[in-house]
N, C-alpha and C. Protein backbone atom coordinates (compact mmCIF):
# COMPACT_ATOMS: atom_id res chain seq x y z
N MET A 1 -10.80 -3.05 -43.87
CA MET A 1 -9.59 -2.74 -43.14
C MET A 1 -9.91 -1.64 -42.13
N TYR A 2 -9.07 -1.48 -41.13
CA TYR A 2 -9.30 -0.55 -40.05
C TYR A 2 -8.43 0.69 -40.16
N CYS A 3 -8.36 1.30 -41.33
CA CYS A 3 -7.53 2.49 -41.53
C CYS A 3 -8.37 3.64 -42.05
N THR A 4 -7.91 4.85 -41.75
CA THR A 4 -8.54 6.04 -42.30
C THR A 4 -7.94 6.32 -43.67
N ALA A 5 -8.38 7.39 -44.30
CA ALA A 5 -7.85 7.77 -45.60
C ALA A 5 -6.38 8.15 -45.52
N TRP A 6 -5.91 8.53 -44.33
CA TRP A 6 -4.51 8.93 -44.15
C TRP A 6 -3.63 7.75 -43.73
N GLY A 7 -4.22 6.59 -43.57
CA GLY A 7 -3.46 5.41 -43.19
C GLY A 7 -3.31 5.20 -41.70
N ALA A 8 -3.93 6.05 -40.90
CA ALA A 8 -3.84 5.88 -39.45
C ALA A 8 -4.75 4.75 -39.01
N ARG A 9 -4.25 3.89 -38.14
CA ARG A 9 -5.04 2.78 -37.65
C ARG A 9 -6.04 3.29 -36.62
N THR A 10 -7.29 2.96 -36.80
CA THR A 10 -8.34 3.45 -35.90
C THR A 10 -8.90 2.36 -35.01
N ALA A 11 -8.59 1.12 -35.26
CA ALA A 11 -9.07 0.02 -34.45
C ALA A 11 -8.02 -1.09 -34.48
N VAL A 12 -8.14 -2.00 -33.57
CA VAL A 12 -7.20 -3.10 -33.48
C VAL A 12 -7.77 -4.30 -34.23
N MET A 13 -6.95 -4.88 -35.06
CA MET A 13 -7.39 -6.06 -35.82
C MET A 13 -7.67 -7.19 -34.83
N PRO A 14 -8.76 -7.92 -35.04
CA PRO A 14 -9.07 -9.05 -34.14
C PRO A 14 -7.90 -10.04 -34.09
N GLY A 15 -7.54 -10.41 -32.87
CA GLY A 15 -6.48 -11.39 -32.68
C GLY A 15 -5.08 -10.80 -32.67
N SER A 16 -4.93 -9.51 -32.97
CA SER A 16 -3.59 -8.94 -33.08
C SER A 16 -2.95 -8.67 -31.72
N ILE A 17 -3.74 -8.66 -30.66
CA ILE A 17 -3.16 -8.40 -29.34
C ILE A 17 -3.25 -9.61 -28.41
N ASP A 18 -3.51 -10.78 -28.97
CA ASP A 18 -3.62 -11.98 -28.13
C ASP A 18 -2.37 -12.23 -27.31
N ASP A 19 -1.20 -12.05 -27.92
CA ASP A 19 0.05 -12.25 -27.18
C ASP A 19 0.19 -11.25 -26.05
N ASP A 20 -0.21 -10.00 -26.31
CA ASP A 20 -0.14 -8.97 -25.28
C ASP A 20 -1.08 -9.29 -24.12
N VAL A 21 -2.25 -9.80 -24.43
CA VAL A 21 -3.22 -10.15 -23.39
C VAL A 21 -2.65 -11.26 -22.51
N ALA A 22 -2.07 -12.28 -23.13
CA ALA A 22 -1.49 -13.38 -22.37
C ALA A 22 -0.33 -12.89 -21.51
N LEU A 23 0.49 -12.02 -22.05
CA LEU A 23 1.62 -11.47 -21.29
C LEU A 23 1.12 -10.63 -20.12
N ALA A 24 0.10 -9.84 -20.33
CA ALA A 24 -0.46 -9.00 -19.26
C ALA A 24 -1.07 -9.87 -18.16
N ARG A 25 -1.77 -10.92 -18.54
CA ARG A 25 -2.35 -11.82 -17.53
C ARG A 25 -1.26 -12.47 -16.69
N ARG A 26 -0.20 -12.92 -17.35
CA ARG A 26 0.89 -13.56 -16.62
C ARG A 26 1.57 -12.55 -15.68
N ALA A 27 1.81 -11.34 -16.18
CA ALA A 27 2.45 -10.31 -15.37
C ALA A 27 1.58 -9.96 -14.16
N ARG A 28 0.27 -9.88 -14.37
CA ARG A 28 -0.63 -9.57 -13.25
C ARG A 28 -0.61 -10.69 -12.22
N HIS A 29 -0.64 -11.92 -12.68
CA HIS A 29 -0.60 -13.06 -11.77
C HIS A 29 0.70 -13.08 -10.98
N ASP A 30 1.83 -12.89 -11.68
CA ASP A 30 3.13 -12.86 -11.00
C ASP A 30 3.18 -11.74 -9.98
N ASN A 31 2.60 -10.60 -10.32
CA ASN A 31 2.57 -9.46 -9.41
C ASN A 31 1.74 -9.78 -8.17
N GLN A 32 0.60 -10.42 -8.36
CA GLN A 32 -0.25 -10.79 -7.22
C GLN A 32 0.46 -11.77 -6.30
N VAL A 33 1.15 -12.75 -6.88
CA VAL A 33 1.89 -13.74 -6.08
C VAL A 33 2.99 -13.04 -5.28
N GLN A 34 3.75 -12.17 -5.94
CA GLN A 34 4.83 -11.45 -5.28
C GLN A 34 4.28 -10.55 -4.17
N THR A 35 3.19 -9.85 -4.43
CA THR A 35 2.58 -8.97 -3.44
C THR A 35 2.14 -9.77 -2.22
N GLN A 36 1.49 -10.90 -2.44
CA GLN A 36 1.03 -11.72 -1.33
C GLN A 36 2.21 -12.24 -0.51
N ARG A 37 3.29 -12.62 -1.18
CA ARG A 37 4.47 -13.12 -0.48
C ARG A 37 5.08 -12.01 0.38
N LEU A 38 5.18 -10.81 -0.17
CA LEU A 38 5.77 -9.70 0.57
C LEU A 38 4.88 -9.26 1.73
N VAL A 39 3.57 -9.18 1.50
CA VAL A 39 2.65 -8.76 2.55
C VAL A 39 2.67 -9.76 3.71
N SER A 40 2.74 -11.04 3.38
CA SER A 40 2.74 -12.05 4.45
C SER A 40 4.02 -12.03 5.28
N SER A 41 5.10 -11.43 4.74
CA SER A 41 6.35 -11.36 5.49
C SER A 41 6.46 -10.11 6.35
N LEU A 42 5.50 -9.18 6.24
CA LEU A 42 5.51 -7.98 7.06
C LEU A 42 5.17 -8.31 8.51
N PRO A 43 5.73 -7.55 9.45
CA PRO A 43 5.38 -7.80 10.85
C PRO A 43 3.94 -7.36 11.12
N GLY A 44 3.35 -7.96 12.14
CA GLY A 44 2.00 -7.57 12.54
C GLY A 44 1.99 -6.15 13.09
N HIS A 45 0.83 -5.59 13.24
CA HIS A 45 0.67 -4.22 13.69
C HIS A 45 1.36 -3.99 15.03
N ARG A 46 1.07 -4.82 16.01
CA ARG A 46 1.64 -4.66 17.35
C ARG A 46 3.15 -4.87 17.32
N ASP A 47 3.62 -5.84 16.56
CA ASP A 47 5.07 -6.08 16.43
C ASP A 47 5.76 -4.86 15.84
N LEU A 48 5.15 -4.25 14.85
CA LEU A 48 5.74 -3.07 14.22
C LEU A 48 5.81 -1.91 15.21
N ILE A 49 4.75 -1.68 15.96
CA ILE A 49 4.75 -0.60 16.96
C ILE A 49 5.82 -0.85 18.01
N ASP A 50 5.93 -2.09 18.48
CA ASP A 50 6.96 -2.42 19.48
C ASP A 50 8.36 -2.20 18.93
N ARG A 51 8.58 -2.57 17.69
CA ARG A 51 9.89 -2.39 17.07
C ARG A 51 10.24 -0.90 16.94
N ILE A 52 9.24 -0.10 16.58
CA ILE A 52 9.47 1.35 16.46
C ILE A 52 9.77 1.94 17.83
N LYS A 53 9.08 1.49 18.86
CA LYS A 53 9.34 1.99 20.21
C LYS A 53 10.76 1.63 20.66
N ARG A 54 11.21 0.43 20.31
CA ARG A 54 12.55 -0.02 20.72
C ARG A 54 13.65 0.71 19.95
N HIS A 55 13.49 0.84 18.65
CA HIS A 55 14.58 1.32 17.81
C HIS A 55 14.36 2.71 17.23
N GLY A 56 13.15 3.23 17.31
CA GLY A 56 12.85 4.52 16.71
C GLY A 56 12.71 4.41 15.19
N LEU A 57 12.49 5.54 14.57
CA LEU A 57 12.38 5.59 13.12
C LEU A 57 13.69 6.10 12.52
N GLN A 58 14.02 5.60 11.37
CA GLN A 58 15.23 6.04 10.68
C GLN A 58 15.03 7.44 10.15
N PRO A 59 15.98 8.35 10.41
CA PRO A 59 15.83 9.71 9.88
C PRO A 59 15.90 9.70 8.36
N ILE A 60 15.17 10.61 7.78
CA ILE A 60 15.14 10.68 6.31
C ILE A 60 16.11 11.75 5.84
């Protein structure tokens, strides 16, 4: 077993985090898809500069 004399777990039992690994992989994939979708919708560099020149920056 993976416990100390005080009962504290010192290692992870094999197979005990398989669900977490699958969930993390799915979350990472979903995040990459969302990031790519958002990045592709951003204006190009020159378009952004032109828009800022026309409208200025929003005060904070």
